[in-house]
């Protein structure tokens, strides 16, 4: 046998060797050598029987030789391949093999490429293209292809499954967000179903109404058909509900289980249907559909089952929420009626007692309402920690959703408590007036019997405050100074920007640092004075509430050595009173 000798430029290892392809059908393509060589025969045999698809190209990308594995990869016999250009073997639209722009030198070039088989199949290969030199000095190229089609398919399946899982998660989140309204839940799921299935052109949620199913929510292709009513008997949806399983139809024109006329009317050619349940009773179906035949795969049925399960749970939650809302409204109305009747029959002090009892009941209720979701969060968190590795993804998702739901419940309770506190403080209403501060301070001090105080205040200083509240603020501070300040009291006032600062100071022992944080709380009394100084502990609390009702506040200013100073900040008047 005579074969052309081509010496490969070294690549991939440090051992260049002579490469000779098998004889081509057209011997003129590769110049033959002059003598038979046993070693060459072995290399030719290895070329033909190698499990790596290998071929030899000339500079024009014409196939000169191809081994058995290359023929199997491309689905063509050797005599069909030889003489063809490489572009004729590639799938249309695939990138061309590097040609004149291929880097000079012995380096191999690696890339992925698509190959078209005559039967329509497409194979993916990891191509290594290596420059080689022939004995005649001409340049050739050695093509080695590793079939990566299975890996490509596996990657595509993984990507599809990941997309499906993420779509299910998005759908469950969207449904959870709308869970208080059953109509919104149905529409959200129909829209999410179209997005979750790449092959779906439309989706519908069909709900049972007697012996028919009606399109309660629709999306995509089926959007124009909201409200369509179909008999349960003789429909694929009816079969899904009767068997309690997910069913599919590859082609409505050949499947005798479907209502063919109804499918034509809404433009469906293939579909997948999962039943919906409430307490093990079928209440409808979730359907995804496509305008073309054979649109859905087997794994689509599993994904649809997950969505249908989520929808069933959301519908049960919405129903329970509606029932609870009705009961709560009735109970709230009953309580309101009882409170109004009690208010009409009871005296003022009995009303205050009843309000206090109501607050105690509310606190008890909050203790229970907070304890329940906290316990649920703790239990499900412990379960997730203990069973994370063994639990299925759906189980993990449901546990996390339970934790999320209870956390949101706690958040609502906290907001309710904050709203109650805000409403309670808002009962105090002020009617500010622009007044001359010096005049009012003198009048207040003169009427505060037994509480002498000096006043340092500009005669033209004006403040916006309710006069009654100002009087009670100053009287309470003077009273506080009289009790704790050794009888010497000073009132100073001045302007600081758009604020008026009124300071009431005494020469007493001051306030101990540990107690300062409690000064303005209800019933706050210092242990060091509570046994010797009479009082209710409400004075400074009332001063703070009055100041805040007028747009101001009060602070304690520590004084070096002995004494205490309380500074009241109030808005300055915008114009001088007449």
Protein backbone atom coordinates (compact mmCIF):
# COMPACT_ATOMS: atom_id res chain seq x y z
CA UNK A 1 0.00 0.00 0.00
CA UNK A 2 1.12 3.49 -0.75
CA UNK A 3 0.12 6.41 1.55
CA UNK A 4 1.04 10.03 1.69
CA UNK A 5 3.26 11.02 4.59
CA UNK A 6 2.26 14.09 6.61
CA UNK A 7 4.25 15.17 9.62
CA UNK A 8 2.14 16.72 12.39
CA UNK A 9 3.32 19.86 14.06
CA UNK A 10 3.68 18.99 17.76
CA UNK A 11 0.66 19.79 19.93
CA UNK A 12 -0.67 18.55 23.24
CA UNK A 13 2.58 16.71 24.16
CA UNK A 14 6.27 16.78 23.45
CA UNK A 15 6.38 13.87 20.96
CA UNK A 16 5.83 14.91 17.35
CA UNK A 17 5.22 11.98 15.08
CA UNK A 18 4.58 11.32 11.43
CA UNK A 19 0.90 11.12 10.55
CA UNK A 20 -0.32 9.47 7.33
CA UNK A 21 -4.03 9.34 6.51
CA UNK A 22 -5.54 6.32 4.71
CA UNK A 23 -5.57 6.42 0.91
CA UNK A 24 -8.10 8.88 -0.44
CA UNK A 25 -10.57 7.94 -3.16
CA UNK A 26 -8.86 10.54 -5.29
CA UNK A 27 -5.18 9.69 -4.89
CA UNK A 28 -4.24 12.96 -6.50
CA UNK A 29 -5.46 14.87 -3.43
CA UNK A 30 -2.53 13.79 -1.25
CA UNK A 31 0.77 12.92 -2.89
CA UNK A 32 1.55 9.24 -2.21
CA UNK A 33 4.85 8.01 -0.82
CA UNK A 34 7.07 5.63 -2.74
CA UNK A 35 7.24 2.61 -0.45
CA UNK A 36 5.26 0.55 1.99
CA UNK A 37 6.09 1.07 5.68
CA UNK A 38 4.88 -1.41 8.41
CA UNK A 39 4.97 1.30 11.07
CA UNK A 40 2.95 3.52 8.80
CA UNK A 41 0.43 0.72 8.25
CA UNK A 42 -0.05 0.52 12.04
CA UNK A 43 -0.60 4.25 12.26
CA UNK A 44 -3.13 4.13 9.45
CA UNK A 45 -4.96 1.29 11.22
CA UNK A 46 -4.94 3.30 14.45
CA UNK A 47 -6.33 6.30 12.56
CA UNK A 48 -9.24 4.26 11.22
CA UNK A 49 -10.07 2.47 14.48
CA UNK A 50 -9.56 5.41 16.86
CA UNK A 51 -12.55 6.24 19.06
CA UNK A 52 -11.88 9.93 18.45
CA UNK A 53 -13.55 11.25 15.32
CA UNK A 54 -10.64 12.36 13.10
CA UNK A 55 -10.35 13.78 9.59
CA UNK A 56 -7.73 15.45 7.38
CA UNK A 57 -8.41 18.68 5.47
CA UNK A 58 -6.41 20.55 2.90
CA UNK A 59 -6.03 24.32 3.03
CA UNK A 60 -9.31 24.72 1.12
CA UNK A 61 -11.12 22.74 3.86
CA UNK A 62 -11.72 19.78 1.52
CA UNK A 63 -11.99 16.45 3.34
CA UNK A 64 -9.14 14.15 2.27
CA UNK A 65 -9.58 11.41 4.86
CA UNK A 66 -12.02 10.51 7.65
CA UNK A 67 -11.97 7.63 10.13
CA UNK A 68 -14.86 5.46 11.22
CA UNK A 69 -15.69 7.56 14.30
CA UNK A 70 -15.89 10.73 12.18
CA UNK A 71 -18.27 8.96 9.78
CA UNK A 72 -20.49 7.87 12.70
CA UNK A 73 -20.50 11.39 14.14
CA UNK A 74 -21.63 12.96 10.86
CA UNK A 75 -23.93 10.09 9.85
CA UNK A 76 -22.23 9.70 6.46
CA UNK A 77 -20.04 7.03 4.87
CA UNK A 78 -16.43 7.81 4.01
CA UNK A 79 -17.07 7.85 0.27
CA UNK A 80 -19.85 10.40 0.91
CA UNK A 81 -17.57 12.65 2.94
CA UNK A 82 -14.39 12.68 0.88
CA UNK A 83 -14.21 15.54 -1.54
CA UNK A 84 -16.76 17.61 0.38
CA UNK A 85 -15.92 20.94 1.92
CA UNK A 86 -16.13 21.10 5.67
CA UNK A 87 -18.93 23.67 5.38
CA UNK A 88 -21.12 20.97 3.75
CA UNK A 89 -20.82 18.83 6.89
CA UNK A 90 -21.60 21.62 9.37
CA UNK A 91 -25.12 22.64 10.35
CA UNK A 92 -26.33 25.69 8.40
CA UNK A 93 -25.62 28.81 10.41
CA UNK A 94 -22.74 27.22 12.32
CA UNK A 95 -19.44 29.07 12.52
CA UNK A 96 -16.93 28.20 9.82
CA UNK A 97 -13.69 26.45 10.67
CA UNK A 98 -10.77 28.84 11.14
CA UNK A 99 -9.03 29.21 7.80
CA UNK A 100 -6.59 31.80 6.63
CA UNK A 101 -6.99 33.61 9.91
CA UNK A 102 -5.83 30.55 11.85
CA UNK A 103 -2.73 31.43 13.91
CA UNK A 104 0.54 30.40 12.35
CA UNK A 105 2.70 27.86 14.12
CA UNK A 106 2.12 24.43 15.63
CA UNK A 107 -0.56 25.41 18.15
CA UNK A 108 -3.91 23.63 18.01
CA UNK A 109 -7.19 25.59 18.02
CA UNK A 110 -10.11 24.23 20.10
CA UNK A 111 -13.77 25.23 19.85
CA UNK A 112 -17.29 23.76 19.80
CA UNK A 113 -19.04 23.11 16.49
CA UNK A 114 -22.38 21.81 15.21
CA UNK A 115 -22.52 18.99 12.65
CA UNK A 116 -25.60 18.22 10.54
CA UNK A 117 -26.52 14.58 9.84
CA UNK A 118 -28.47 13.64 6.71
CA UNK A 119 -31.37 12.36 8.86
CA UNK A 120 -31.83 15.85 10.37
CA UNK A 121 -30.05 15.18 13.64
CA UNK A 122 -27.58 17.76 14.93
CA UNK A 123 -24.46 16.69 16.79
CA UNK A 124 -22.25 18.93 18.91
CA UNK A 125 -18.53 18.33 18.92
CA UNK A 126 -15.51 19.72 20.76
CA UNK A 127 -13.18 20.32 17.79
CA UNK A 128 -9.39 20.45 17.94
CA UNK A 129 -7.91 21.77 14.69
CA UNK A 130 -4.16 21.20 14.27
CA UNK A 131 -1.86 22.34 11.43
CA UNK A 132 0.23 19.49 9.95
CA UNK A 133 2.91 19.41 7.24
CA UNK A 134 2.96 16.90 4.38
CA UNK A 135 6.18 15.39 3.00
CA UNK A 136 5.57 17.38 -0.14
CA UNK A 137 5.85 20.59 1.89
CA UNK A 138 2.13 21.33 1.58
CA UNK A 139 0.09 22.31 4.64
CA UNK A 140 -2.80 20.15 5.84
CA UNK A 141 -5.06 20.28 8.88
CA UNK A 142 -5.93 17.49 11.29
CA UNK A 143 -9.48 17.66 12.69
CA UNK A 144 -10.24 15.76 15.92
CA UNK A 145 -13.79 15.89 17.29
CA UNK A 146 -15.03 14.81 20.73
CA UNK A 147 -18.82 14.23 20.66
CA UNK A 148 -20.32 16.44 23.42
CA UNK A 149 -23.94 16.10 22.34
CA UNK A 150 -24.96 14.14 25.50
CA UNK A 151 -23.35 16.79 27.68
CA UNK A 152 -25.11 19.54 25.73
CA UNK A 153 -28.45 17.77 26.17
CA UNK A 154 -27.78 17.27 29.88
CA UNK A 155 -26.92 20.97 30.25
CA UNK A 156 -30.08 21.93 28.38
CA UNK A 157 -32.18 19.64 30.60
CA UNK A 158 -30.57 21.12 33.70
CA UNK A 159 -31.23 24.65 32.49
CA UNK A 160 -34.83 23.72 31.70
CA UNK A 161 -35.33 22.19 35.15
CA UNK A 162 -33.76 25.21 36.82
CA UNK A 163 -36.03 27.51 34.83
CA UNK A 164 -39.01 25.37 35.84
CA UNK A 165 -38.10 25.47 39.53
CA UNK A 166 -37.53 29.22 39.51
CA UNK A 167 -40.81 29.70 37.68
CA UNK A 168 -42.62 27.66 40.33
CA UNK A 169 -41.01 29.73 43.09
CA UNK A 170 -41.98 32.99 41.36
CA UNK A 171 -45.52 31.73 40.91
CA UNK A 172 -45.80 30.70 44.55
CA UNK A 173 -44.52 34.09 45.70
CA UNK A 174 -46.96 35.91 43.45
CA UNK A 175 -49.86 33.75 44.61
CA UNK A 176 -48.88 34.22 48.25
CA UNK A 177 -48.87 38.01 47.77
CA UNK A 178 -52.44 37.86 46.43
CA UNK A 179 -53.61 35.12 48.80
CA UNK A 180 -56.34 37.22 50.47
CA UNK A 181 -58.35 37.52 47.24
CA UNK A 182 -59.36 34.31 45.45
CA UNK A 183 -60.06 36.05 42.12
CA UNK A 184 -56.65 37.69 42.20
CA UNK A 185 -55.05 34.35 43.08
CA UNK A 186 -56.63 32.69 40.03
CA UNK A 187 -55.54 35.43 37.62
CA UNK A 188 -52.01 35.57 38.99
CA UNK A 189 -51.64 31.82 38.59
CA UNK A 190 -52.92 31.90 34.99
CA UNK A 191 -50.37 34.57 34.10
CA UNK A 192 -47.55 32.82 35.95
CA UNK A 193 -48.35 29.51 34.24
CA UNK A 194 -47.81 31.05 30.80
CA UNK A 195 -44.47 32.44 31.94
CA UNK A 196 -43.43 29.16 33.61
CA UNK A 197 -43.80 27.00 30.48
CA UNK A 198 -41.80 28.13 27.45
CA UNK A 199 -43.99 25.99 25.20
CA UNK A 200 -47.28 27.43 26.52
CA UNK A 201 -49.17 30.00 24.47
CA UNK A 202 -51.98 30.36 27.00
CA UNK A 203 -53.32 29.20 30.34
CA UNK A 204 -56.66 28.96 32.10
CA UNK A 205 -58.01 28.16 35.52
CA UNK A 206 -61.29 26.29 35.06
CA UNK A 207 -63.57 26.15 38.11
CA UNK A 208 -66.49 23.78 38.72
CA UNK A 209 -69.98 25.29 38.52
CA UNK A 210 -72.53 22.52 38.73
CA UNK A 211 -71.93 20.12 35.85
CA UNK A 212 -69.81 22.56 33.85
CA UNK A 213 -66.39 24.17 34.05
CA UNK A 214 -66.01 27.89 33.42
CA UNK A 215 -62.86 29.82 32.52
CA UNK A 216 -62.47 31.78 35.79
CA UNK A 217 -59.03 33.17 34.91
CA UNK A 218 -57.22 33.24 31.56
CA UNK A 219 -53.95 34.46 30.08
CA UNK A 220 -52.12 34.50 26.75
CA UNK A 221 -53.85 32.68 23.90
CA UNK A 222 -56.93 32.01 26.05
CA UNK A 223 -57.31 35.60 27.34
CA UNK A 224 -60.21 36.44 24.96
CA UNK A 225 -62.20 33.45 26.22
CA UNK A 226 -62.81 34.39 29.86
CA UNK A 227 -66.14 33.03 31.04
CA UNK A 228 -66.32 30.20 28.48
CA UNK A 229 -68.34 27.29 29.89
CA UNK A 230 -67.67 23.64 29.00
CA UNK A 231 -69.39 20.47 30.13
CA UNK A 232 -67.28 18.36 32.45
CA UNK A 233 -68.30 15.09 30.77
CA UNK A 234 -66.50 14.46 27.52
CA UNK A 235 -63.60 16.80 28.31
CA UNK A 236 -59.98 16.17 29.19
CA UNK A 237 -60.43 18.46 32.21
CA UNK A 238 -63.18 16.16 33.43
CA UNK A 239 -60.85 13.17 33.12
CA UNK A 240 -58.17 14.97 35.14
CA UNK A 241 -60.66 15.68 37.95
CA UNK A 242 -62.16 12.19 37.87
CA UNK A 243 -58.79 10.44 38.05
CA UNK A 244 -57.10 13.02 40.28
CA UNK A 245 -54.06 12.99 38.02
CA UNK A 246 -52.35 15.34 35.60
CA UNK A 247 -53.16 14.50 31.98
CA UNK A 248 -51.86 15.81 28.67
CA UNK A 249 -52.89 15.81 25.04
CA UNK A 250 -50.24 15.87 22.32
CA UNK A 251 -52.65 16.63 19.47
CA UNK A 252 -56.30 17.57 19.90
CA UNK A 253 -57.01 16.57 16.31
CA UNK A 254 -56.16 12.93 16.98
CA UNK A 255 -57.02 12.54 20.70
CA UNK A 256 -60.57 11.18 21.18
CA UNK A 257 -60.63 12.16 24.87
CA UNK A 258 -60.93 15.87 24.15
CA UNK A 259 -63.79 18.10 23.10
CA UNK A 260 -62.35 18.73 19.65
CA UNK A 261 -64.78 21.46 18.64
CA UNK A 262 -64.18 23.40 21.85
CA UNK A 263 -60.42 23.15 21.31
CA UNK A 264 -60.73 24.47 17.78
CA UNK A 265 -62.90 27.31 18.99
CA UNK A 266 -60.27 28.56 21.46
CA UNK A 267 -57.26 27.73 19.26
CA UNK A 268 -55.76 24.83 21.27
CA UNK A 269 -53.78 22.05 19.58
CA UNK A 270 -51.97 20.55 22.61
CA UNK A 271 -52.40 20.96 26.37
CA UNK A 272 -51.52 19.77 29.85
CA UNK A 273 -54.10 19.77 32.68
CA UNK A 274 -53.72 19.34 36.47
CA UNK A 275 -56.67 19.00 38.88
CA UNK A 276 -57.31 21.41 41.78
CA UNK A 277 -58.59 20.15 45.12
CA UNK A 278 -60.24 21.47 48.27
CA UNK A 279 -60.34 18.92 51.12
CA UNK A 280 -59.76 16.07 48.61
CA UNK A 281 -62.66 17.27 46.48
CA UNK A 282 -61.93 18.38 42.89
CA UNK A 283 -62.93 22.01 42.38
CA UNK A 284 -61.40 22.71 38.97
CA UNK A 285 -58.24 22.43 36.89
CA UNK A 286 -55.16 24.41 35.91
CA UNK A 287 -54.56 24.17 32.17
CA UNK A 288 -51.64 25.25 29.98
CA UNK A 289 -52.13 25.09 26.23
CA UNK A 290 -50.28 25.65 22.97
CA UNK A 291 -51.42 26.46 19.45
CA UNK A 292 -49.14 23.74 18.02
CA UNK A 293 -49.15 19.98 18.50
CA UNK A 294 -46.63 18.08 20.64
CA UNK A 295 -45.66 21.20 22.57
CA UNK A 296 -45.24 19.73 26.07
CA UNK A 297 -42.78 17.26 27.56
CA UNK A 298 -43.17 14.68 30.30
CA UNK A 299 -41.44 16.84 32.91
CA UNK A 300 -43.94 19.64 32.19
CA UNK A 301 -46.61 17.54 33.90
CA UNK A 302 -44.59 17.44 37.12
CA UNK A 303 -44.08 21.19 37.04
CA UNK A 304 -47.79 21.77 36.42
CA UNK A 305 -48.62 19.54 39.39
CA UNK A 306 -46.47 21.78 41.62
CA UNK A 307 -48.26 24.91 40.40
CA UNK A 308 -51.66 23.27 40.82
CA UNK A 309 -50.77 22.22 44.36
CA UNK A 310 -49.73 25.79 45.19
CA UNK A 311 -52.93 27.16 43.67
CA UNK A 312 -55.09 24.70 45.64
CA UNK A 313 -53.38 25.74 48.88
CA UNK A 314 -53.74 29.44 48.04
CA UNK A 315 -57.46 29.02 47.31
CA UNK A 316 -57.96 27.28 50.64
CA UNK A 317 -56.10 30.12 52.36
CA UNK A 318 -58.18 32.75 50.56
CA UNK A 319 -61.39 30.97 51.55
CA UNK A 320 -60.27 30.74 55.19
CA UNK A 321 -59.24 34.40 55.11
CA UNK A 322 -62.66 35.43 53.79
CA UNK A 323 -64.42 33.40 56.48
CA UNK A 324 -62.19 34.81 59.20
CA UNK A 325 -62.68 38.34 57.88
CA UNK A 326 -66.45 37.89 58.01
CA UNK A 327 -66.31 36.50 61.53
CA UNK A 328 -63.95 39.28 62.59
CA UNK A 329 -66.21 41.94 61.09
CA UNK A 330 -69.23 40.47 62.86
CA UNK A 331 -67.33 40.21 66.13
CA UNK A 332 -65.98 43.74 65.77
CA UNK A 333 -69.46 45.07 65.07
CA UNK A 334 -70.81 43.22 68.09
CA UNK A 335 -68.07 44.59 70.32
CA UNK A 336 -68.64 48.11 69.00
CA UNK A 337 -72.36 47.84 69.68
CA UNK A 338 -71.65 46.57 73.20
CA UNK A 339 -69.22 49.42 73.85
CA UNK A 340 -71.69 52.02 72.59
CA UNK A 341 -74.43 50.62 74.82
CA UNK A 342 -72.08 50.61 77.80
CA UNK A 343 -71.00 54.19 77.07
CA UNK A 344 -74.63 55.36 77.00
CA UNK A 345 -75.53 53.67 80.32
CA UNK A 346 -72.35 54.14 82.34
CA UNK A 347 -71.01 57.21 84.07
CA UNK A 348 -67.69 58.75 83.21
CA UNK A 349 -65.67 56.81 85.77
CA UNK A 350 -67.32 53.50 84.68
CA UNK A 351 -66.36 54.31 81.07
CA UNK A 352 -62.74 54.81 82.12
CA UNK A 353 -62.82 51.52 84.02
CA UNK A 354 -64.30 49.73 81.04
CA UNK A 355 -61.62 51.25 78.77
CA UNK A 356 -58.94 50.05 81.17
CA UNK A 357 -60.42 46.54 81.14
CA UNK A 358 -60.51 46.67 77.37
CA UNK A 359 -56.82 47.51 77.29
CA UNK A 360 -56.08 44.62 79.62
CA UNK A 361 -58.04 42.32 77.35
CA UNK A 362 -56.11 43.68 74.38
CA UNK A 363 -52.78 43.04 76.11
CA UNK A 364 -53.83 39.49 76.88
CA UNK A 365 -54.91 38.97 73.31
CA UNK A 366 -51.61 40.35 72.00
CA UNK A 367 -49.69 37.99 74.28
CA UNK A 368 -51.53 35.07 72.72
CA UNK A 369 -51.31 36.39 69.16
CA UNK A 370 -47.59 37.02 69.43
CA UNK A 371 -46.90 33.71 71.13
CA UNK A 372 -48.58 31.60 68.44
CA UNK A 373 -46.61 32.83 65.39
CA UNK A 374 -43.39 32.86 67.40
CA UNK A 375 -43.94 29.22 68.32
CA UNK A 376 -44.67 28.33 64.68
CA UNK A 377 -41.51 30.09 63.47
CA UNK A 378 -39.45 28.28 66.09
CA UNK A 379 -40.90 24.84 65.25
CA UNK A 380 -40.49 25.16 61.47
CA UNK A 381 -37.02 26.66 61.80
CA UNK A 382 -35.95 23.72 63.99
CA UNK A 383 -37.47 21.28 61.49
CA UNK A 384 -35.61 22.89 58.61
CA UNK A 385 -32.33 22.76 60.51
CA UNK A 386 -32.78 19.11 61.44
CA UNK A 387 -34.11 17.80 58.11
CA UNK A 388 -32.55 20.18 55.54
CA UNK A 389 -30.40 17.54 53.81
CA UNK A 390 -33.15 14.89 53.70
CA UNK A 391 -36.15 17.12 52.94
CA UNK A 392 -37.38 17.54 49.38
CA UNK A 393 -37.24 20.98 47.78
CA UNK A 394 -41.03 21.34 47.92
CA UNK A 395 -41.06 20.48 51.61
CA UNK A 396 -38.32 23.04 52.28
CA UNK A 397 -40.21 25.64 50.31
CA UNK A 398 -43.44 25.01 52.23
CA UNK A 399 -41.63 25.27 55.58
CA UNK A 400 -39.96 28.54 54.57
CA UNK A 401 -43.32 29.88 53.40
CA UNK A 402 -44.83 29.01 56.80
CA UNK A 403 -42.04 30.89 58.57
CA UNK A 404 -42.52 33.87 56.22
CA UNK A 405 -46.28 33.89 56.78
CA UNK A 406 -45.94 33.93 60.57
CA UNK A 407 -43.23 36.59 60.46
CA UNK A 408 -45.57 38.79 58.44
CA UNK A 409 -48.28 38.16 61.00
CA UNK A 410 -45.96 39.40 63.76
CA UNK A 411 -45.16 42.48 61.69
CA UNK A 412 -48.88 43.31 61.39
CA UNK A 413 -49.34 42.92 65.16
CA UNK A 414 -46.46 45.31 65.83
CA UNK A 415 -47.94 47.87 63.43
CA UNK A 416 -51.32 47.58 65.19
CA UNK A 417 -49.75 48.20 68.60
CA UNK A 418 -47.84 51.26 67.30
CA UNK A 419 -51.05 52.63 65.78
CA UNK A 420 -52.84 52.21 69.14
CA UNK A 421 -50.09 54.11 70.99
CA UNK A 422 -50.19 56.91 68.40
CA UNK A 423 -53.99 57.21 68.68
CA UNK A 424 -53.79 57.32 72.48
CA UNK A 425 -51.30 60.20 72.41
CA UNK A 426 -53.34 62.00 69.74
CA UNK A 427 -56.32 62.59 72.05
CA UNK A 428 -54.57 65.67 73.48
CA UNK A 429 -55.49 68.62 71.24
CA UNK A 430 -53.85 72.06 71.43
CA UNK A 431 -55.11 75.43 70.11
CA UNK A 432 -51.94 77.56 69.83
CA UNK A 433 -52.10 81.35 69.87
CA UNK A 434 -49.41 83.97 69.27
CA UNK A 435 -48.83 85.50 72.73
CA UNK A 436 -46.31 87.82 74.47
CA UNK A 437 -44.36 85.42 76.66
CA UNK A 438 -43.17 87.91 79.34
CA UNK A 439 -46.70 89.03 80.16
CA UNK A 440 -47.97 85.48 80.56
CA UNK A 441 -44.99 84.34 82.63
CA UNK A 442 -45.54 87.18 85.11
CA UNK A 443 -49.24 86.35 85.38
CA UNK A 444 -48.54 82.65 85.91
CA UNK A 445 -45.90 83.23 88.59
CA UNK A 446 -48.10 85.72 90.39
CA UNK A 447 -50.91 83.19 90.63
CA UNK A 448 -48.62 80.32 91.64
CA UNK A 449 -48.98 80.77 95.39
CA UNK A 450 -45.98 79.84 97.50
CA UNK A 451 -43.68 79.48 94.47
CA UNK A 452 -41.56 82.65 94.09
CA UNK A 453 -39.43 82.83 90.96
CA UNK A 454 -37.36 85.41 89.14
CA UNK A 455 -38.09 86.01 85.44
CA UNK A 456 -35.55 86.96 82.78
CA UNK A 457 -37.38 87.34 79.46
CA UNK A 458 -37.27 89.98 76.65
CA UNK A 459 -40.46 92.03 76.70
CA UNK A 460 -41.04 91.54 72.96
CA UNK A 461 -40.51 87.76 72.87
CA UNK A 462 -43.56 86.02 71.38
CA UNK A 463 -44.44 82.33 71.27
CA UNK A 464 -47.10 80.16 69.57
CA UNK A 465 -48.73 78.06 72.30
CA UNK A 466 -52.07 77.24 73.85
CA UNK A 467 -52.21 79.66 76.87
CA UNK A 468 -53.89 77.06 79.08
CA UNK A 469 -51.16 74.53 78.28
CA UNK A 470 -48.40 77.10 78.91
CA UNK A 471 -49.85 77.84 82.32
CA UNK A 472 -49.99 74.16 83.29
CA UNK A 473 -46.44 73.59 81.98
CA UNK A 474 -44.97 76.44 84.06
CA UNK A 475 -47.05 75.60 87.16
CA UNK A 476 -45.94 71.96 87.06
CA UNK A 477 -42.28 72.94 86.65
CA UNK A 478 -42.51 75.48 89.48
CA UNK A 479 -44.17 72.86 91.65
CA UNK A 480 -41.44 70.38 90.82
CA UNK A 481 -38.77 72.97 91.70
CA UNK A 482 -40.54 73.77 94.96
CA UNK A 483 -40.51 70.10 95.97
CA UNK A 484 -36.95 69.27 95.00
CA UNK A 485 -35.10 72.57 94.42
CA UNK A 486 -34.68 74.12 97.90
CA UNK A 487 -37.14 76.93 97.11
CA UNK A 488 -35.02 79.09 94.79
CA UNK A 489 -36.34 79.15 91.22
CA UNK A 490 -35.38 81.08 88.07
CA UNK A 491 -37.21 81.36 84.76
CA UNK A 492 -35.23 82.47 81.71
CA UNK A 493 -36.47 82.67 78.15
CA UNK A 494 -34.88 83.43 74.81
CA UNK A 495 -35.01 82.76 71.08
CA UNK A 496 -33.01 80.07 69.27
CA UNK A 497 -33.73 80.30 65.54
CA UNK A 498 -37.43 79.67 65.03
CA UNK A 499 -37.80 78.20 68.53
CA UNK A 500 -38.43 79.73 71.95
CA UNK A 501 -36.55 78.14 74.87
CA UNK A 502 -38.00 78.51 78.38
CA UNK A 503 -35.68 77.26 81.12
CA UNK A 504 -36.81 76.64 84.70
CA UNK A 505 -33.84 76.24 87.07
CA UNK A 506 -33.42 75.56 90.78
CA UNK A 507 -30.57 75.22 93.30
CA UNK A 508 -31.57 71.82 94.64
CA UNK A 509 -29.56 68.59 94.55
CA UNK A 510 -30.39 67.90 90.90
CA UNK A 511 -31.45 64.57 89.39
CA UNK A 512 -29.30 61.47 89.85
CA UNK A 513 -27.90 60.20 86.59
CA UNK A 514 -29.44 56.68 86.81
CA UNK A 515 -32.93 58.21 87.13
CA UNK A 516 -32.66 60.79 84.33
CA UNK A 517 -33.81 58.37 81.65
CA UNK A 518 -37.09 57.83 83.57
CA UNK A 519 -37.85 61.48 84.31
CA UNK A 520 -40.68 61.91 81.82
CA UNK A 521 -42.34 58.49 82.13
CA UNK A 522 -45.70 57.86 83.71
CA UNK A 523 -45.62 57.34 87.51
CA UNK A 524 -41.82 57.75 87.57
CA UNK A 525 -40.53 58.33 91.14
CA UNK A 526 -36.96 58.27 92.37
CA UNK A 527 -36.30 55.74 95.12
CA UNK A 528 -34.28 58.34 97.01
CA UNK A 529 -37.22 60.77 97.36
CA UNK A 530 -40.41 58.74 96.93
CA UNK A 531 -40.68 58.10 100.68
CA UNK A 532 -40.13 61.73 101.73
CA UNK A 533 -41.52 63.87 98.92
CA UNK A 534 -45.25 63.55 98.09
CA UNK A 535 -46.32 63.32 94.43
CA UNK A 536 -47.96 61.17 91.80
CA UNK A 537 -45.08 60.96 89.36
CA UNK A 538 -47.23 62.44 86.57
CA UNK A 539 -46.07 66.08 86.56
CA UNK A 540 -43.15 65.90 84.16
CA UNK A 541 -45.00 63.36 81.99
CA UNK A 542 -47.88 65.85 81.62
CA UNK A 543 -45.44 68.68 80.83
CA UNK A 544 -43.89 66.62 78.04
CA UNK A 545 -47.27 65.66 76.54
CA UNK A 546 -48.50 69.28 76.65
CA UNK A 547 -45.29 70.58 75.07
CA UNK A 548 -45.47 67.97 72.29
CA UNK A 549 -49.13 68.73 71.64
CA UNK A 550 -48.03 72.33 70.93
CA UNK A 551 -45.22 71.30 68.60
CA UNK A 552 -42.50 71.41 71.26
CA UNK A 553 -40.70 69.22 73.78
CA UNK A 554 -38.87 69.26 77.12
CA UNK A 555 -35.36 68.15 78.10
CA UNK A 556 -33.35 67.95 81.29
CA UNK A 557 -30.08 69.89 81.36
CA UNK A 558 -27.55 68.74 83.91
CA UNK A 559 -25.88 71.60 85.85
CA UNK A 560 -22.31 71.52 87.11
CA UNK A 561 -22.48 71.16 90.88
CA UNK A 562 -25.94 71.50 92.42
CA UNK A 563 -29.22 72.40 90.76
CA UNK A 564 -31.44 71.21 87.90
CA UNK A 565 -32.67 72.89 84.73
CA UNK A 566 -35.65 71.85 82.60
CA UNK A 567 -35.73 73.38 79.09
CA UNK A 568 -39.05 73.64 77.24
CA UNK A 569 -38.84 74.24 73.47
CA UNK A 570 -41.87 75.79 71.70
CA UNK A 571 -42.43 77.33 68.23
CA UNK A 572 -41.82 81.03 67.92
CA UNK A 573 -44.78 83.19 66.91
CA UNK A 574 -44.82 84.13 63.22
CA UNK A 575 -46.06 87.66 63.98
CA UNK A 576 -46.27 89.93 67.01
CA UNK A 577 -49.69 89.93 68.71
CA UNK A 578 -51.62 93.20 68.73
